[in-house]
């Protein structure tokens, strides 16, 4: 009898998804909570940039911060540090500063660039509610990634998974 091995889809989950799931009582909160429950069942391979955890540690809302940090620590299959991202980009012969600058020029924030590059390097789907800075700029982001010889990414909202 053959054993079937299920390959998990790799995902990177933006802080906004977990925050909305833990905080928001509306429709987006419901969507986020449904998604989080699936992640909690370890149906995905979760890649977490440590920058998200560093950002969290600066938050003042202690109970929310703890809940979100627990989500990432409990569910992450892999954590990747910013220096690892930079080293992997540079090892491909890419000028990291030029790449970073080009992505900033289309209106992407630093922490979002980390999500983008992590998703590209790990061939993971980026899950976010962020339409203005990410989803609506997916085409431009992927043009830049392609130009630098990196894998393009898919950006989706929690209900699309």
C-alpha atoms as a PDB file:
ATOM      1  CA  UNK A   1       0.000   0.000   0.000  1.00  0.00           C
ATOM      2  CA  UNK A   2       1.373   3.389  -1.035  1.00  0.00           C
ATOM      3  CA  UNK A   3       1.542   6.170   1.480  1.00  0.00           C
ATOM      4  CA  UNK A   4       0.194   9.475   0.180  1.00  0.00           C
ATOM      5  CA  UNK A   5       2.198  12.481   1.249  1.00  0.00           C
ATOM      6  CA  UNK A   6       0.272  15.719   1.315  1.00  0.00           C
ATOM      7  CA  UNK A   7       2.381  18.726   0.376  1.00  0.00           C
ATOM      8  CA  UNK A   8       1.319  21.791   2.304  1.00  0.00           C
ATOM      9  CA  UNK A   9       1.009  25.125   0.556  1.00  0.00           C
ATOM     10  CA  UNK A  10       3.483  27.657   1.848  1.00  0.00           C
ATOM     11  CA  UNK A  11       2.055  30.896   3.153  1.00  0.00           C
ATOM     12  CA  UNK A  12       3.233  34.135   4.706  1.00  0.00           C
ATOM     13  CA  UNK A  13       0.557  35.760   6.880  1.00  0.00           C
ATOM     14  CA  UNK A  14       0.567  39.533   7.299  1.00  0.00           C
ATOM     15  CA  UNK A  15       0.090  40.944  10.790  1.00  0.00           C
ATOM     16  CA  UNK A  16      -3.147  42.614   9.695  1.00  0.00           C
ATOM     17  CA  UNK A  17      -4.871  39.257   9.170  1.00  0.00           C
ATOM     18  CA  UNK A  18      -4.083  38.002  12.662  1.00  0.00           C
ATOM     19  CA  UNK A  19      -4.831  41.393  14.246  1.00  0.00           C
ATOM     20  CA  UNK A  20      -8.235  41.593  12.556  1.00  0.00           C
ATOM     21  CA  UNK A  21      -8.987  38.012  13.582  1.00  0.00           C
ATOM     22  CA  UNK A  22      -8.158  38.685  17.223  1.00  0.00           C
ATOM     23  CA  UNK A  23      -9.683  42.172  17.446  1.00  0.00           C
ATOM     24  CA  UNK A  24     -12.381  42.882  14.852  1.00  0.00           C
ATOM     25  CA  UNK A  25     -15.938  41.736  15.560  1.00  0.00           C
ATOM     26  CA  UNK A  26     -17.186  42.424  12.008  1.00  0.00           C
ATOM     27  CA  UNK A  27     -17.191  40.584   8.702  1.00  0.00           C
ATOM     28  CA  UNK A  28     -13.430  40.825   8.135  1.00  0.00           C
ATOM     29  CA  UNK A  29     -12.893  39.520  11.656  1.00  0.00           C
ATOM     30  CA  UNK A  30     -15.027  36.492  10.809  1.00  0.00           C
ATOM     31  CA  UNK A  31     -13.051  35.885   7.610  1.00  0.00           C
ATOM     32  CA  UNK A  32      -9.771  36.187   9.479  1.00  0.00           C
ATOM     33  CA  UNK A  33     -10.900  33.885  12.308  1.00  0.00           C
ATOM     34  CA  UNK A  34     -12.011  31.225   9.830  1.00  0.00           C
ATOM     35  CA  UNK A  35      -8.616  31.421   8.118  1.00  0.00           C
ATOM     36  CA  UNK A  36      -6.749  31.381  11.455  1.00  0.00           C
ATOM     37  CA  UNK A  37      -8.634  28.240  12.498  1.00  0.00           C
ATOM     38  CA  UNK A  38      -7.370  26.508   9.343  1.00  0.00           C
ATOM     39  CA  UNK A  39      -3.805  27.653  10.025  1.00  0.00           C
ATOM     40  CA  UNK A  40      -4.145  26.413  13.626  1.00  0.00           C
ATOM     41  CA  UNK A  41      -4.834  22.938  12.192  1.00  0.00           C
ATOM     42  CA  UNK A  42      -1.427  23.133  10.469  1.00  0.00           C
ATOM     43  CA  UNK A  43      -2.902  22.757   6.997  1.00  0.00           C
ATOM     44  CA  UNK A  44      -0.268  25.137   5.625  1.00  0.00           C
ATOM     45  CA  UNK A  45       3.481  25.541   5.887  1.00  0.00           C
ATOM     46  CA  UNK A  46       3.733  28.939   7.587  1.00  0.00           C
ATOM     47  CA  UNK A  47       6.839  31.019   6.928  1.00  0.00           C
ATOM     48  CA  UNK A  48       7.199  33.959   9.316  1.00  0.00           C
ATOM     49  CA  UNK A  49       9.634  36.825   8.849  1.00  0.00           C
ATOM     50  CA  UNK A  50      11.004  37.617  12.317  1.00  0.00           C
ATOM     51  CA  UNK A  51      10.472  41.302  11.492  1.00  0.00           C
ATOM     52  CA  UNK A  52       6.755  40.722  12.230  1.00  0.00           C
ATOM     53  CA  UNK A  53       7.609  39.526  15.726  1.00  0.00           C
ATOM     54  CA  UNK A  54       9.950  42.483  16.233  1.00  0.00           C
ATOM     55  CA  UNK A  55       7.189  44.900  15.199  1.00  0.00           C
ATOM     56  CA  UNK A  56       4.761  43.183  17.562  1.00  0.00           C
ATOM     57  CA  UNK A  57       7.069  43.538  20.534  1.00  0.00           C
ATOM     58  CA  UNK A  58       6.856  47.335  20.189  1.00  0.00           C
ATOM     59  CA  UNK A  59       3.060  47.375  20.440  1.00  0.00           C
ATOM     60  CA  UNK A  60       1.506  48.833  23.572  1.00  0.00           C
ATOM     61  CA  UNK A  61      -1.689  46.695  23.645  1.00  0.00           C
ATOM     62  CA  UNK A  62      -0.252  43.881  25.723  1.00  0.00           C
ATOM     63  CA  UNK A  63      -3.019  41.226  25.542  1.00  0.00           C
ATOM     64  CA  UNK A  64      -3.467  41.604  21.778  1.00  0.00           C
ATOM     65  CA  UNK A  65       0.300  41.510  21.273  1.00  0.00           C
ATOM     66  CA  UNK A  66       0.550  38.267  23.263  1.00  0.00           C
ATOM     67  CA  UNK A  67      -2.301  36.592  21.324  1.00  0.00           C
ATOM     68  CA  UNK A  68      -0.773  37.487  17.958  1.00  0.00           C
ATOM     69  CA  UNK A  69       2.722  36.438  18.997  1.00  0.00           C
ATOM     70  CA  UNK A  70       1.333  33.096  20.235  1.00  0.00           C
ATOM     71  CA  UNK A  71      -0.293  32.538  16.833  1.00  0.00           C
ATOM     72  CA  UNK A  72       3.018  32.986  15.005  1.00  0.00           C
ATOM     73  CA  UNK A  73       5.117  31.037  17.502  1.00  0.00           C
ATOM     74  CA  UNK A  74       2.653  28.130  17.644  1.00  0.00           C
ATOM     75  CA  UNK A  75       2.049  27.859  13.901  1.00  0.00           C
ATOM     76  CA  UNK A  76       5.290  28.876  12.193  1.00  0.00           C
ATOM     77  CA  UNK A  77       7.080  26.065  10.424  1.00  0.00           C
ATOM     78  CA  UNK A  78       9.951  28.389   9.572  1.00  0.00           C
ATOM     79  CA  UNK A  79      11.107  31.778  10.775  1.00  0.00           C
ATOM     80  CA  UNK A  80      13.322  33.854   8.547  1.00  0.00           C
ATOM     81  CA  UNK A  81      15.407  36.794   9.700  1.00  0.00           C
ATOM     82  CA  UNK A  82      15.951  39.936   7.643  1.00  0.00           C
ATOM     83  CA  UNK A  83      19.679  39.189   7.364  1.00  0.00           C
ATOM     84  CA  UNK A  84      18.867  35.781   5.837  1.00  0.00           C
ATOM     85  CA  UNK A  85      16.653  37.465   3.258  1.00  0.00           C
ATOM     86  CA  UNK A  86      19.397  39.938   2.370  1.00  0.00           C
ATOM     87  CA  UNK A  87      22.033  37.183   2.171  1.00  0.00           C
ATOM     88  CA  UNK A  88      19.849  35.058  -0.104  1.00  0.00           C
ATOM     89  CA  UNK A  89      19.169  38.007  -2.411  1.00  0.00           C
ATOM     90  CA  UNK A  90      22.857  38.971  -2.552  1.00  0.00           C
ATOM     91  CA  UNK A  91      23.891  35.322  -3.153  1.00  0.00           C
ATOM     92  CA  UNK A  92      21.854  35.483  -6.374  1.00  0.00           C
ATOM     93  CA  UNK A  93      24.054  38.367  -7.551  1.00  0.00           C
ATOM     94  CA  UNK A  94      21.319  40.944  -6.887  1.00  0.00           C
ATOM     95  CA  UNK A  95      22.029  44.401  -5.494  1.00  0.00           C
ATOM     96  CA  UNK A  96      19.713  44.342  -2.478  1.00  0.00           C
ATOM     97  CA  UNK A  97      19.690  48.125  -2.011  1.00  0.00           C
ATOM     98  CA  UNK A  98      18.652  48.729  -5.637  1.00  0.00           C
ATOM     99  CA  UNK A  99      15.924  46.089  -5.416  1.00  0.00           C
ATOM    100  CA  UNK A 100      14.687  47.501  -2.110  1.00  0.00           C
ATOM    101  CA  UNK A 101      14.708  51.041  -3.471  1.00  0.00           C
ATOM    102  CA  UNK A 102      12.801  50.057  -6.592  1.00  0.00           C
ATOM    103  CA  UNK A 103      10.058  48.420  -4.502  1.00  0.00           C
ATOM    104  CA  UNK A 104       9.871  51.454  -2.193  1.00  0.00           C
ATOM    105  CA  UNK A 105       9.486  53.663  -5.285  1.00  0.00           C
ATOM    106  CA  UNK A 106       6.136  52.022  -6.100  1.00  0.00           C
ATOM    107  CA  UNK A 107       4.846  52.857  -2.616  1.00  0.00           C
ATOM    108  CA  UNK A 108       5.581  49.734  -0.601  1.00  0.00           C
ATOM    109  CA  UNK A 109       6.468  50.024   3.117  1.00  0.00           C
ATOM    110  CA  UNK A 110       9.612  48.399   4.551  1.00  0.00           C
ATOM    111  CA  UNK A 111       7.805  45.699   6.529  1.00  0.00           C
ATOM    112  CA  UNK A 112       5.731  44.859   3.448  1.00  0.00           C
ATOM    113  CA  UNK A 113       8.919  44.488   1.389  1.00  0.00           C
ATOM    114  CA  UNK A 114      10.062  41.880   3.894  1.00  0.00           C
ATOM    115  CA  UNK A 115       6.780  40.000   3.374  1.00  0.00           C
ATOM    116  CA  UNK A 116       7.170  40.248  -0.399  1.00  0.00           C
ATOM    117  CA  UNK A 117      10.767  39.030  -0.462  1.00  0.00           C
ATOM    118  CA  UNK A 118      10.021  36.216   1.991  1.00  0.00           C
ATOM    119  CA  UNK A 119       7.108  35.106  -0.189  1.00  0.00           C
ATOM    120  CA  UNK A 120       9.293  35.215  -3.288  1.00  0.00           C
ATOM    121  CA  UNK A 121      12.268  33.389  -1.774  1.00  0.00           C
ATOM    122  CA  UNK A 122      10.101  30.687  -0.199  1.00  0.00           C
ATOM    123  CA  UNK A 123       7.610  30.496  -3.097  1.00  0.00           C
ATOM    124  CA  UNK A 124       4.824  31.198  -0.630  1.00  0.00           C
ATOM    125  CA  UNK A 125       1.426  32.839  -0.992  1.00  0.00           C
ATOM    126  CA  UNK A 126       1.159  36.179   0.821  1.00  0.00           C
ATOM    127  CA  UNK A 127      -2.092  36.403   2.793  1.00  0.00           C
ATOM    128  CA  UNK A 128      -3.159  39.941   3.708  1.00  0.00           C
ATOM    129  CA  UNK A 129      -6.092  42.323   3.943  1.00  0.00           C
ATOM    130  CA  UNK A 130      -3.802  45.097   2.683  1.00  0.00           C
ATOM    131  CA  UNK A 131      -5.274  46.013  -0.702  1.00  0.00           C
ATOM    132  CA  UNK A 132      -3.875  49.539  -1.016  1.00  0.00           C
ATOM    133  CA  UNK A 133      -0.185  48.814  -0.418  1.00  0.00           C
ATOM    134  CA  UNK A 134       0.006  45.205  -1.559  1.00  0.00           C
ATOM    135  CA  UNK A 135      -2.835  43.538  -3.480  1.00  0.00           C
ATOM    136  CA  UNK A 136      -3.473  46.539  -5.733  1.00  0.00           C
ATOM    137  CA  UNK A 137       0.257  46.697  -6.539  1.00  0.00           C
ATOM    138  CA  UNK A 138       0.762  42.982  -7.174  1.00  0.00           C
ATOM    139  CA  UNK A 139       1.452  43.566 -10.878  1.00  0.00           C
ATOM    140  CA  UNK A 140       4.132  46.185 -10.214  1.00  0.00           C
ATOM    141  CA  UNK A 141       5.673  44.085  -7.456  1.00  0.00           C
ATOM    142  CA  UNK A 142       5.878  41.054  -9.736  1.00  0.00           C
ATOM    143  CA  UNK A 143       7.384  43.105 -12.571  1.00  0.00           C
ATOM    144  CA  UNK A 144      10.209  44.156 -10.246  1.00  0.00           C
ATOM    145  CA  UNK A 145      10.700  40.629  -8.890  1.00  0.00           C
ATOM    146  CA  UNK A 146      10.878  39.267 -12.468  1.00  0.00           C
ATOM    147  CA  UNK A 147      13.277  42.002 -13.515  1.00  0.00           C
ATOM    148  CA  UNK A 148      15.638  40.865 -10.748  1.00  0.00           C
ATOM    149  CA  UNK A 149      15.229  37.175 -11.545  1.00  0.00           C
ATOM    150  CA  UNK A 150      13.163  36.416  -8.459  1.00  0.00           C
ATOM    151  CA  UNK A 151      10.001  34.321  -8.247  1.00  0.00           C
ATOM    152  CA  UNK A 152       6.761  36.246  -8.647  1.00  0.00           C
ATOM    153  CA  UNK A 153       4.238  36.063  -5.828  1.00  0.00           C
ATOM    154  CA  UNK A 154       0.521  35.662  -5.336  1.00  0.00           C
ATOM    155  CA  UNK A 155      -1.174  38.056  -2.912  1.00  0.00           C
ATOM    156  CA  UNK A 156      -4.568  36.996  -1.598  1.00  0.00           C
ATOM    157  CA  UNK A 157      -6.980  37.806   1.195  1.00  0.00           C
ATOM    158  CA  UNK A 158      -7.828  35.192   3.850  1.00  0.00           C
ATOM    159  CA  UNK A 159     -11.160  34.216   2.318  1.00  0.00           C
ATOM    160  CA  UNK A 160      -9.453  33.405  -1.007  1.00  0.00           C
ATOM    161  CA  UNK A 161      -7.366  30.593   0.422  1.00  0.00           C
END
